[in-house]
Amino acid sequence: MARSGLRMVMWAACVGCFLAPALVSSQARAADLYVSGALMNSFTSAKGTGDISLGTTDPPTPLFDIDGSDSDSSPGFGGALGFGFGIDELRADVRGYEMPHWKVRLELEGIFGREYDFRFDTAPVGGGGGGGGVPNTFFSEIDSWTVMTNVWLD
């Protein structure tokens, strides 16, 4: 619960920092404020190598070697909040030169909900260790989210 509360505070702070200059600025004669949403499916793969050791001895006693790879796909959802304006609408000319008719868009985009599960098989070292020579599984669960800014020049 604390992690999701922190995410919301970070999201609100990013949106506030992004919108404050846009709301205070009064030079532009026309601007667009827009919101967009996205649904996606993302794919990733991972490779795991290493060992699990019993750290109570010096040197540590190796129990399992980890070596393997796995892949997973996960649905994700997100959205963007953007502010767009024309360069020539900020100022029609500078020192007698006409400004180009380019559009500038500033976006704050977030992608959430991606969760990947990876499974790597382990092989006991020397037939000993936990399980008496029976292979075990090393499981990793990874949650991912992204917040980024985008600048577009059209």
N, C-alpha and C. Protein backbone atom coordinates (compact mmCIF):
# COMPACT_ATOMS: atom_id res chain seq x y z
N MET A 1 0.82 -1.19 0.00
CA MET A 1 0.00 0.00 0.00
C MET A 1 0.86 1.24 0.00
N ALA A 2 1.98 1.22 0.70
CA ALA A 2 2.85 2.39 0.77
C ALA A 2 3.48 2.66 -0.59
N ARG A 3 3.80 1.60 -1.35
CA ARG A 3 4.40 1.79 -2.68
C ARG A 3 3.42 2.46 -3.62
N SER A 4 2.15 2.08 -3.61
CA SER A 4 1.19 2.70 -4.53
C SER A 4 0.92 4.13 -4.12
N GLY A 5 0.95 4.44 -2.81
CA GLY A 5 0.77 5.82 -2.37
C GLY A 5 1.93 6.69 -2.83
N LEU A 6 3.16 6.14 -2.77
CA LEU A 6 4.32 6.87 -3.23
C LEU A 6 4.25 7.11 -4.74
N ARG A 7 3.78 6.11 -5.47
CA ARG A 7 3.63 6.27 -6.92
C ARG A 7 2.66 7.39 -7.24
N MET A 8 1.56 7.47 -6.51
CA MET A 8 0.57 8.51 -6.77
C MET A 8 1.14 9.89 -6.46
N VAL A 9 1.92 10.02 -5.38
CA VAL A 9 2.54 11.30 -5.04
C VAL A 9 3.53 11.69 -6.13
N MET A 10 4.35 10.72 -6.61
CA MET A 10 5.30 11.02 -7.67
C MET A 10 4.58 11.43 -8.94
N TRP A 11 3.51 10.74 -9.28
CA TRP A 11 2.72 11.05 -10.47
C TRP A 11 2.14 12.46 -10.36
N ALA A 12 1.56 12.80 -9.22
CA ALA A 12 0.97 14.13 -9.03
C ALA A 12 2.04 15.22 -9.09
N ALA A 13 3.21 14.96 -8.52
CA ALA A 13 4.29 15.95 -8.56
C ALA A 13 4.77 16.18 -9.98
N CYS A 14 4.90 15.10 -10.76
CA CYS A 14 5.33 15.24 -12.15
C CYS A 14 4.30 16.02 -12.96
N VAL A 15 3.03 15.70 -12.77
CA VAL A 15 1.98 16.40 -13.51
C VAL A 15 1.95 17.87 -13.09
N GLY A 16 2.08 18.15 -11.79
CA GLY A 16 2.07 19.54 -11.31
C GLY A 16 3.24 20.34 -11.87
N CYS A 17 4.44 19.75 -11.88
CA CYS A 17 5.60 20.44 -12.43
C CYS A 17 5.47 20.67 -13.92
N PHE A 18 4.77 19.77 -14.59
CA PHE A 18 4.59 19.88 -16.04
C PHE A 18 3.55 20.94 -16.39
N LEU A 19 2.46 20.99 -15.63
CA LEU A 19 1.36 21.89 -15.95
C LEU A 19 1.55 23.31 -15.43
N ALA A 20 2.31 23.50 -14.37
CA ALA A 20 2.45 24.83 -13.79
C ALA A 20 2.95 25.86 -14.79
N PRO A 21 4.04 25.60 -15.53
CA PRO A 21 4.46 26.61 -16.51
C PRO A 21 3.43 26.84 -17.61
N ALA A 22 2.71 25.80 -17.99
CA ALA A 22 1.71 25.95 -19.05
C ALA A 22 0.55 26.81 -18.59
N LEU A 23 0.16 26.68 -17.33
CA LEU A 23 -0.97 27.45 -16.83
C LEU A 23 -0.59 28.91 -16.55
N VAL A 24 0.64 29.16 -16.19
CA VAL A 24 1.09 30.51 -15.87
C VAL A 24 1.40 31.29 -17.15
N SER A 25 1.87 30.61 -18.17
CA SER A 25 2.26 31.28 -19.41
C SER A 25 1.04 31.91 -20.08
N SER A 26 1.19 33.16 -20.48
CA SER A 26 0.08 33.85 -21.13
C SER A 26 0.46 34.37 -22.50
N GLN A 27 1.65 34.04 -23.01
CA GLN A 27 2.08 34.56 -24.29
C GLN A 27 1.44 33.85 -25.47
N ALA A 28 1.17 32.56 -25.34
CA ALA A 28 0.62 31.82 -26.46
C ALA A 28 -0.83 32.21 -26.70
N ARG A 29 -1.17 32.39 -27.96
CA ARG A 29 -2.54 32.75 -28.30
C ARG A 29 -3.44 31.53 -28.45
N ALA A 30 -2.86 30.38 -28.76
CA ALA A 30 -3.65 29.16 -28.90
C ALA A 30 -2.77 27.97 -28.51
N ALA A 31 -3.34 27.06 -27.76
CA ALA A 31 -2.61 25.86 -27.35
C ALA A 31 -3.61 24.73 -27.17
N ASP A 32 -3.12 23.53 -27.25
CA ASP A 32 -3.96 22.34 -27.09
C ASP A 32 -3.49 21.57 -25.87
N LEU A 33 -4.43 21.16 -25.05
CA LEU A 33 -4.18 20.27 -23.93
C LEU A 33 -4.89 18.97 -24.26
N TYR A 34 -4.19 17.85 -24.23
CA TYR A 34 -4.80 16.59 -24.63
C TYR A 34 -4.41 15.46 -23.68
N VAL A 35 -5.22 14.42 -23.71
CA VAL A 35 -5.01 13.20 -22.92
C VAL A 35 -5.17 12.02 -23.87
N SER A 36 -4.30 11.04 -23.75
CA SER A 36 -4.43 9.83 -24.56
C SER A 36 -4.19 8.61 -23.68
N GLY A 37 -4.75 7.49 -24.08
CA GLY A 37 -4.59 6.24 -23.35
C GLY A 37 -3.95 5.18 -24.21
N ALA A 38 -3.43 4.14 -23.58
CA ALA A 38 -2.77 3.07 -24.33
C ALA A 38 -2.95 1.74 -23.62
N LEU A 39 -3.18 0.71 -24.39
CA LEU A 39 -3.15 -0.68 -23.94
C LEU A 39 -2.10 -1.38 -24.77
N MET A 40 -1.30 -2.22 -24.14
CA MET A 40 -0.21 -2.85 -24.88
C MET A 40 0.09 -4.22 -24.30
N ASN A 41 0.92 -4.93 -25.02
CA ASN A 41 1.47 -6.19 -24.53
C ASN A 41 2.98 -6.10 -24.71
N SER A 42 3.72 -6.28 -23.65
CA SER A 42 5.18 -6.19 -23.74
C SER A 42 5.78 -7.57 -23.51
N PHE A 43 6.92 -7.79 -24.09
CA PHE A 43 7.61 -9.07 -24.04
C PHE A 43 9.03 -8.83 -23.54
N THR A 44 9.53 -9.71 -22.71
CA THR A 44 10.91 -9.61 -22.26
C THR A 44 11.47 -11.01 -22.01
N SER A 45 12.78 -11.08 -21.97
CA SER A 45 13.44 -12.35 -21.65
C SER A 45 14.56 -12.06 -20.65
N ALA A 46 14.95 -13.07 -19.91
CA ALA A 46 15.99 -12.93 -18.90
C ALA A 46 16.86 -14.17 -18.88
N LYS A 47 18.10 -13.99 -18.47
CA LYS A 47 19.02 -15.11 -18.31
C LYS A 47 19.56 -15.06 -16.89
N GLY A 48 19.54 -16.17 -16.21
CA GLY A 48 20.02 -16.24 -14.84
C GLY A 48 21.20 -17.18 -14.72
N THR A 49 22.28 -16.70 -14.13
CA THR A 49 23.44 -17.54 -13.84
C THR A 49 23.93 -17.21 -12.44
N GLY A 50 24.54 -18.13 -11.79
CA GLY A 50 25.08 -17.91 -10.45
C GLY A 50 24.98 -19.17 -9.62
N ASP A 51 25.05 -18.99 -8.31
CA ASP A 51 24.90 -20.13 -7.41
C ASP A 51 24.25 -19.69 -6.11
N ILE A 52 23.69 -20.65 -5.43
CA ILE A 52 23.14 -20.46 -4.10
C ILE A 52 24.07 -21.18 -3.15
N SER A 53 24.59 -20.44 -2.17
CA SER A 53 25.60 -21.01 -1.26
C SER A 53 25.12 -20.97 0.17
N LEU A 54 25.66 -21.85 0.96
CA LEU A 54 25.46 -21.85 2.41
C LEU A 54 26.56 -20.96 2.98
N GLY A 55 26.19 -19.75 3.41
CA GLY A 55 27.17 -18.75 3.79
C GLY A 55 27.69 -18.87 5.20
N THR A 56 27.41 -19.95 5.92
CA THR A 56 27.87 -20.07 7.31
C THR A 56 29.26 -20.66 7.40
N THR A 57 29.82 -21.09 6.27
CA THR A 57 31.16 -21.65 6.29
C THR A 57 32.10 -20.71 5.54
N ASP A 58 33.42 -20.89 5.76
CA ASP A 58 34.39 -20.06 5.06
C ASP A 58 35.36 -20.98 4.34
N PRO A 59 35.40 -21.08 3.06
CA PRO A 59 34.55 -20.37 2.09
C PRO A 59 33.14 -20.95 2.07
N PRO A 60 32.15 -20.19 1.52
CA PRO A 60 30.76 -20.68 1.50
C PRO A 60 30.64 -21.99 0.74
N THR A 61 29.78 -22.86 1.22
CA THR A 61 29.54 -24.16 0.59
C THR A 61 28.48 -24.00 -0.49
N PRO A 62 28.82 -24.25 -1.78
CA PRO A 62 27.82 -24.11 -2.85
C PRO A 62 26.78 -25.23 -2.76
N LEU A 63 25.51 -24.84 -2.87
CA LEU A 63 24.42 -25.81 -2.82
C LEU A 63 23.83 -26.05 -4.21
N PHE A 64 23.58 -24.97 -4.96
CA PHE A 64 22.94 -25.09 -6.26
C PHE A 64 23.61 -24.17 -7.26
N ASP A 65 23.76 -24.62 -8.48
CA ASP A 65 24.17 -23.77 -9.60
C ASP A 65 22.91 -23.35 -10.34
N ILE A 66 22.80 -22.06 -10.64
CA ILE A 66 21.66 -21.54 -11.40
C ILE A 66 22.15 -21.20 -12.79
N ASP A 67 21.49 -21.75 -13.78
CA ASP A 67 21.84 -21.44 -15.15
C ASP A 67 20.61 -21.71 -16.01
N GLY A 68 20.09 -20.67 -16.63
CA GLY A 68 18.94 -20.85 -17.48
C GLY A 68 18.43 -19.53 -18.00
N SER A 69 17.43 -19.62 -18.83
CA SER A 69 16.81 -18.42 -19.37
C SER A 69 15.31 -18.67 -19.47
N ASP A 70 14.57 -17.58 -19.48
CA ASP A 70 13.11 -17.66 -19.56
C ASP A 70 12.60 -16.39 -20.22
N SER A 71 11.39 -16.43 -20.69
CA SER A 71 10.77 -15.25 -21.28
C SER A 71 9.32 -15.18 -20.83
N ASP A 72 8.75 -13.99 -20.88
CA ASP A 72 7.38 -13.78 -20.44
C ASP A 72 6.82 -12.56 -21.15
N SER A 73 5.53 -12.52 -21.29
CA SER A 73 4.87 -11.34 -21.83
C SER A 73 3.84 -10.87 -20.81
N SER A 74 3.53 -9.58 -20.84
CA SER A 74 2.64 -9.02 -19.86
C SER A 74 1.85 -7.87 -20.48
N PRO A 75 0.56 -7.80 -20.19
CA PRO A 75 -0.19 -6.64 -20.67
C PRO A 75 0.18 -5.41 -19.85
N GLY A 76 0.07 -4.27 -20.46
CA GLY A 76 0.34 -3.02 -19.77
C GLY A 76 -0.69 -1.98 -20.17
N PHE A 77 -0.82 -0.98 -19.36
CA PHE A 77 -1.74 0.11 -19.67
C PHE A 77 -1.04 1.41 -19.31
N GLY A 78 -1.49 2.47 -19.95
CA GLY A 78 -0.84 3.74 -19.66
C GLY A 78 -1.61 4.89 -20.28
N GLY A 79 -1.00 6.04 -20.20
CA GLY A 79 -1.62 7.22 -20.76
C GLY A 79 -0.63 8.35 -20.84
N ALA A 80 -1.02 9.39 -21.53
CA ALA A 80 -0.18 10.57 -21.68
C ALA A 80 -1.03 11.81 -21.51
N LEU A 81 -0.42 12.81 -20.92
CA LEU A 81 -1.02 14.13 -20.79
C LEU A 81 -0.09 15.08 -21.55
N GLY A 82 -0.66 15.81 -22.51
CA GLY A 82 0.19 16.61 -23.37
C GLY A 82 -0.30 18.04 -23.52
N PHE A 83 0.63 18.88 -23.91
CA PHE A 83 0.38 20.29 -24.14
C PHE A 83 1.07 20.65 -25.45
N GLY A 84 0.32 21.15 -26.43
CA GLY A 84 0.89 21.47 -27.73
C GLY A 84 0.61 22.91 -28.13
N PHE A 85 1.55 23.50 -28.84
CA PHE A 85 1.40 24.87 -29.32
C PHE A 85 2.28 25.07 -30.54
N GLY A 86 2.00 26.10 -31.31
CA GLY A 86 2.80 26.45 -32.48
C GLY A 86 3.88 27.43 -32.10
N ILE A 87 5.07 27.25 -32.66
CA ILE A 87 6.16 28.17 -32.36
C ILE A 87 5.79 29.58 -32.82
N ASP A 88 5.15 29.66 -33.99
CA ASP A 88 4.78 30.98 -34.51
C ASP A 88 3.67 31.64 -33.69
N GLU A 89 2.97 30.88 -32.86
CA GLU A 89 1.94 31.45 -32.01
C GLU A 89 2.53 32.07 -30.74
N LEU A 90 3.72 31.65 -30.36
CA LEU A 90 4.39 32.28 -29.23
C LEU A 90 4.82 33.70 -29.59
N ARG A 91 5.41 33.77 -30.76
CA ARG A 91 5.88 35.06 -31.24
C ARG A 91 5.91 34.99 -32.76
N ALA A 92 5.25 35.91 -33.43
CA ALA A 92 5.11 35.85 -34.89
C ALA A 92 6.44 36.06 -35.60
N ASP A 93 7.27 36.96 -35.07
CA ASP A 93 8.57 37.18 -35.69
C ASP A 93 9.59 37.57 -34.62
N VAL A 94 10.84 37.31 -34.97
CA VAL A 94 11.94 37.69 -34.11
C VAL A 94 12.90 38.51 -34.97
N ARG A 95 13.05 39.79 -34.62
CA ARG A 95 13.93 40.72 -35.34
C ARG A 95 13.64 40.73 -36.83
N GLY A 96 12.37 40.70 -37.18
CA GLY A 96 11.98 40.80 -38.58
C GLY A 96 11.93 39.48 -39.32
N TYR A 97 12.33 38.36 -38.69
CA TYR A 97 12.28 37.05 -39.34
C TYR A 97 11.03 36.31 -38.87
N GLU A 98 10.31 35.77 -39.82
CA GLU A 98 9.08 35.03 -39.49
C GLU A 98 9.44 33.68 -38.86
N MET A 99 8.74 33.34 -37.80
CA MET A 99 8.96 32.06 -37.13
C MET A 99 8.36 30.93 -37.97
N PRO A 100 8.95 29.71 -37.92
CA PRO A 100 8.39 28.59 -38.68
C PRO A 100 7.03 28.17 -38.10
N HIS A 101 6.27 27.47 -38.90
CA HIS A 101 4.93 27.02 -38.50
C HIS A 101 4.97 25.63 -37.86
N TRP A 102 6.01 25.34 -37.11
CA TRP A 102 6.15 24.06 -36.46
C TRP A 102 5.30 24.00 -35.21
N LYS A 103 4.84 22.80 -34.90
CA LYS A 103 4.10 22.55 -33.66
C LYS A 103 5.02 21.84 -32.66
N VAL A 104 4.96 22.29 -31.43
CA VAL A 104 5.74 21.68 -30.36
C VAL A 104 4.75 21.02 -29.41
N ARG A 105 5.02 19.76 -29.05
CA ARG A 105 4.19 19.05 -28.08
C ARG A 105 5.06 18.56 -26.94
N LEU A 106 4.63 18.83 -25.73
CA LEU A 106 5.30 18.35 -24.52
C LEU A 106 4.36 17.34 -23.87
N GLU A 107 4.87 16.17 -23.56
CA GLU A 107 4.04 15.09 -23.01
C GLU A 107 4.66 14.52 -21.74
N LEU A 108 3.79 14.10 -20.85
CA LEU A 108 4.17 13.30 -19.70
C LEU A 108 3.42 11.98 -19.86
N GLU A 109 4.18 10.88 -20.00
CA GLU A 109 3.59 9.57 -20.30
C GLU A 109 3.91 8.58 -19.20
N GLY A 110 2.95 7.76 -18.86
CA GLY A 110 3.15 6.72 -17.86
C GLY A 110 2.66 5.38 -18.37
N ILE A 111 3.41 4.32 -18.07
CA ILE A 111 3.04 2.95 -18.44
C ILE A 111 3.13 2.12 -17.18
N PHE A 112 2.06 1.41 -16.86
CA PHE A 112 1.97 0.66 -15.60
C PHE A 112 1.42 -0.74 -15.87
N GLY A 113 1.46 -1.58 -14.83
CA GLY A 113 0.79 -2.88 -14.87
C GLY A 113 1.59 -4.02 -15.45
N ARG A 114 2.86 -3.79 -15.80
CA ARG A 114 3.65 -4.88 -16.37
C ARG A 114 4.25 -5.73 -15.25
N GLU A 115 4.03 -7.02 -15.33
CA GLU A 115 4.55 -7.96 -14.33
C GLU A 115 5.07 -9.20 -15.06
N TYR A 116 6.32 -9.53 -14.79
CA TYR A 116 6.95 -10.67 -15.44
C TYR A 116 7.32 -11.72 -14.40
N ASP A 117 7.15 -12.98 -14.76
CA ASP A 117 7.51 -14.10 -13.90
C ASP A 117 8.55 -14.94 -14.62
N PHE A 118 9.70 -15.14 -13.98
CA PHE A 118 10.78 -15.93 -14.57
C PHE A 118 11.06 -17.13 -13.69
N ARG A 119 11.36 -18.25 -14.33
CA ARG A 119 11.66 -19.50 -13.63
C ARG A 119 12.95 -20.07 -14.19
N PHE A 120 13.91 -20.29 -13.30
CA PHE A 120 15.19 -20.88 -13.68
C PHE A 120 15.37 -22.18 -12.91
N ASP A 121 15.80 -23.22 -13.61
CA ASP A 121 16.06 -24.49 -12.95
C ASP A 121 17.44 -24.47 -12.32
N THR A 122 17.57 -25.15 -11.21
CA THR A 122 18.85 -25.23 -10.51
C THR A 122 19.33 -26.67 -10.50
N ALA A 123 20.62 -26.84 -10.52
CA ALA A 123 21.22 -28.17 -10.45
C ALA A 123 22.02 -28.28 -9.15
N PRO A 124 21.77 -29.30 -8.33
CA PRO A 124 22.53 -29.45 -7.10
C PRO A 124 24.01 -29.68 -7.39
N VAL A 125 24.88 -29.07 -6.59
CA VAL A 125 26.31 -29.25 -6.74
C VAL A 125 26.70 -30.56 -6.07
N GLY A 126 27.32 -31.45 -6.81
CA GLY A 126 27.81 -32.72 -6.25
C GLY A 126 26.70 -33.63 -5.74
N GLY A 127 25.47 -33.45 -6.18
CA GLY A 127 24.39 -34.32 -5.77
C GLY A 127 23.92 -34.09 -4.35
N GLY A 128 24.49 -33.11 -3.64
CA GLY A 128 24.09 -32.87 -2.26
C GLY A 128 23.24 -31.62 -2.15
N GLY A 129 23.20 -31.08 -0.97
CA GLY A 129 22.44 -29.86 -0.76
C GLY A 129 20.97 -30.15 -0.54
N GLY A 130 20.18 -29.09 -0.48
CA GLY A 130 18.75 -29.25 -0.24
C GLY A 130 18.10 -30.08 -1.32
N GLY A 131 17.34 -31.04 -0.97
CA GLY A 131 16.64 -31.88 -1.93
C GLY A 131 17.36 -33.16 -2.26
N GLY A 132 18.58 -33.37 -1.75
CA GLY A 132 19.29 -34.64 -1.96
C GLY A 132 19.53 -34.98 -3.41
N GLY A 133 19.95 -34.01 -4.22
CA GLY A 133 20.25 -34.27 -5.63
C GLY A 133 19.08 -34.00 -6.55
N VAL A 134 17.93 -33.61 -6.02
CA VAL A 134 16.76 -33.32 -6.85
C VAL A 134 16.82 -31.86 -7.28
N PRO A 135 16.71 -31.57 -8.58
CA PRO A 135 16.74 -30.18 -9.04
C PRO A 135 15.61 -29.36 -8.43
N ASN A 136 15.88 -28.12 -8.14
CA ASN A 136 14.89 -27.18 -7.63
C ASN A 136 14.66 -26.08 -8.65
N THR A 137 13.78 -25.15 -8.33
CA THR A 137 13.46 -24.05 -9.22
C THR A 137 13.69 -22.73 -8.51
N PHE A 138 14.30 -21.79 -9.20
CA PHE A 138 14.52 -20.44 -8.70
C PHE A 138 13.52 -19.54 -9.42
N PHE A 139 12.65 -18.88 -8.67
CA PHE A 139 11.54 -18.11 -9.24
C PHE A 139 11.73 -16.63 -8.95
N SER A 140 11.56 -15.77 -9.97
CA SER A 140 11.65 -14.31 -9.80
C SER A 140 10.40 -13.66 -10.36
N GLU A 141 9.86 -12.73 -9.60
CA GLU A 141 8.70 -11.94 -10.06
C GLU A 141 9.14 -10.49 -10.15
N ILE A 142 8.94 -9.87 -11.30
CA ILE A 142 9.41 -8.51 -11.54
C ILE A 142 8.23 -7.63 -11.94
N ASP A 143 8.02 -6.54 -11.19
CA ASP A 143 7.00 -5.54 -11.52
C ASP A 143 7.71 -4.35 -12.14
N SER A 144 7.11 -3.78 -13.19
CA SER A 144 7.76 -2.69 -13.89
C SER A 144 6.77 -1.58 -14.19
N TRP A 145 7.21 -0.33 -14.03
CA TRP A 145 6.42 0.83 -14.42
C TRP A 145 7.37 1.90 -14.93
N THR A 146 6.86 2.79 -15.76
CA THR A 146 7.68 3.80 -16.40
C THR A 146 6.94 5.12 -16.44
N VAL A 147 7.62 6.21 -16.11
CA VAL A 147 7.11 7.57 -16.31
C VAL A 147 8.18 8.31 -17.08
N MET A 148 7.80 8.92 -18.20
CA MET A 148 8.79 9.60 -19.02
C MET A 148 8.20 10.86 -19.64
N THR A 149 9.07 11.76 -20.04
CA THR A 149 8.63 12.96 -20.74
C THR A 149 8.98 12.80 -22.21
N ASN A 150 8.13 13.35 -23.05
CA ASN A 150 8.36 13.32 -24.50
C ASN A 150 8.27 14.74 -25.03
N VAL A 151 9.11 15.08 -25.96
CA VAL A 151 9.05 16.36 -26.66
C VAL A 151 8.98 16.05 -28.14
N TRP A 152 7.95 16.57 -28.81
CA TRP A 152 7.72 16.34 -30.23
C TRP A 152 7.81 17.67 -30.98
N LEU A 153 8.41 17.65 -32.12
CA LEU A 153 8.46 18.81 -33.00
C LEU A 153 7.86 18.36 -34.34
N ASP A 154 6.67 18.83 -34.64
CA ASP A 154 5.96 18.44 -35.86
C ASP A 154 6.10 19.51 -36.93
